[in-house]
Amino acid sequence: MGGKLLRTIGHARANFAMTMMAACYNLKRLVYCMEAGIEAF
Protein backbone atom coordinates (compact mmCIF):
# COMPACT_ATOMS: atom_id res chain seq x y z
CA MET A 1 0.00 0.00 0.00
CA GLY A 2 2.92 2.33 -0.22
CA GLY A 3 5.43 1.20 2.35
CA LYS A 4 7.33 3.18 4.92
CA LEU A 5 9.50 5.23 2.58
CA LEU A 6 8.20 8.65 1.57
CA ARG A 7 9.95 10.51 -1.21
CA THR A 8 8.63 13.98 -0.50
CA ILE A 9 10.20 17.27 0.44
CA GLY A 10 8.76 18.89 3.53
CA HIS A 11 6.59 17.90 6.42
CA ALA A 12 3.32 19.07 4.83
CA ARG A 13 3.81 16.93 1.70
CA ALA A 14 4.82 13.90 3.76
CA ASN A 15 1.73 14.34 5.93
CA PHE A 16 -0.46 14.61 2.82
CA ALA A 17 1.11 11.49 1.31
CA MET A 18 0.49 9.47 4.47
CA THR A 19 -3.10 10.72 4.65
CA MET A 20 -3.73 9.66 1.04
CA MET A 21 -2.20 6.21 1.66
CA ALA A 22 -4.42 5.72 4.70
CA ALA A 23 -7.52 6.90 2.82
CA CYS A 24 -6.83 4.52 -0.09
CA TYR A 25 -6.31 1.63 2.30
CA ASN A 26 -9.57 2.38 4.10
CA LEU A 27 -11.53 2.67 0.84
CA LYS A 28 -10.17 -0.65 -0.44
CA ARG A 29 -11.04 -2.26 2.88
CA LEU A 30 -14.55 -0.79 2.76
CA VAL A 31 -15.12 -2.20 -0.74
CA TYR A 32 -13.90 -5.63 0.38
CA CYS A 33 -16.21 -5.59 3.41
CA MET A 34 -19.20 -4.52 1.33
CA GLU A 35 -18.58 -7.26 -1.25
CA ALA A 36 -18.14 -9.87 1.47
CA GLY A 37 -21.37 -8.78 3.16
CA ILE A 38 -19.69 -7.80 6.41
CA GLU A 39 -21.60 -5.31 8.54
CA ALA A 40 -19.20 -2.65 9.81
CA PHE A 41 -21.55 -0.91 12.24
C-alpha atoms as a PDB file:
ATOM      1  CA  MET A   1       0.000   0.000   0.000  1.00  0.00           C
ATOM      2  CA  GLY A   2       2.923   2.329  -0.217  1.00  0.00           C
ATOM      3  CA  GLY A   3       5.430   1.196   2.346  1.00  0.00           C
ATOM      4  CA  LYS A   4       7.327   3.178   4.922  1.00  0.00           C
ATOM      5  CA  LEU A   5       9.503   5.231   2.580  1.00  0.00           C
ATOM      6  CA  LEU A   6       8.198   8.648   1.568  1.00  0.00           C
ATOM      7  CA  ARG A   7       9.950  10.509  -1.213  1.00  0.00           C
ATOM      8  CA  THR A   8       8.633  13.976  -0.499  1.00  0.00           C
ATOM      9  CA  ILE A   9      10.197  17.269   0.436  1.00  0.00           C
ATOM     10  CA  GLY A  10       8.759  18.885   3.534  1.00  0.00           C
ATOM     11  CA  HIS A  11       6.586  17.899   6.421  1.00  0.00           C
ATOM     12  CA  ALA A  12       3.318  19.068   4.827  1.00  0.00           C
ATOM     13  CA  ARG A  13       3.806  16.934   1.703  1.00  0.00           C
ATOM     14  CA  ALA A  14       4.819  13.903   3.758  1.00  0.00           C
ATOM     15  CA  ASN A  15       1.728  14.340   5.932  1.00  0.00           C
ATOM     16  CA  PHE A  16      -0.464  14.606   2.824  1.00  0.00           C
ATOM     17  CA  ALA A  17       1.107  11.490   1.308  1.00  0.00           C
ATOM     18  CA  MET A  18       0.487   9.469   4.471  1.00  0.00           C
ATOM     19  CA  THR A  19      -3.098  10.719   4.645  1.00  0.00           C
ATOM     20  CA  MET A  20      -3.732   9.656   1.040  1.00  0.00           C
ATOM     21  CA  MET A  21      -2.200   6.211   1.656  1.00  0.00           C
ATOM     22  CA  ALA A  22      -4.424   5.720   4.701  1.00  0.00           C
ATOM     23  CA  ALA A  23      -7.519   6.896   2.820  1.00  0.00           C
ATOM     24  CA  CYS A  24      -6.831   4.522  -0.088  1.00  0.00           C
ATOM     25  CA  TYR A  25      -6.308   1.632   2.303  1.00  0.00           C
ATOM     26  CA  ASN A  26      -9.569   2.375   4.103  1.00  0.00           C
ATOM     27  CA  LEU A  27     -11.527   2.672   0.840  1.00  0.00           C
ATOM     28  CA  LYS A  28     -10.169  -0.650  -0.436  1.00  0.00           C
ATOM     29  CA  ARG A  29     -11.043  -2.262   2.881  1.00  0.00           C
ATOM     30  CA  LEU A  30     -14.548  -0.792   2.758  1.00  0.00           C
ATOM     31  CA  VAL A  31     -15.116  -2.199  -0.742  1.00  0.00           C
ATOM     32  CA  TYR A  32     -13.904  -5.625   0.385  1.00  0.00           C
ATOM     33  CA  CYS A  33     -16.209  -5.595   3.407  1.00  0.00           C
ATOM     34  CA  MET A  34     -19.197  -4.517   1.330  1.00  0.00           C
ATOM     35  CA  GLU A  35     -18.583  -7.262  -1.252  1.00  0.00           C
ATOM     36  CA  ALA A  36     -18.143  -9.872   1.474  1.00  0.00           C
ATOM     37  CA  GLY A  37     -21.375  -8.780   3.163  1.00  0.00           C
ATOM     38  CA  ILE A  38     -19.688  -7.797   6.409  1.00  0.00           C
ATOM     39  CA  GLU A  39     -21.597  -5.311   8.542  1.00  0.00           C
ATOM     40  CA  ALA A  40     -19.203  -2.647   9.806  1.00  0.00           C
ATOM     41  CA  PHE A  41     -21.552  -0.912  12.243  1.00  0.00           C
END
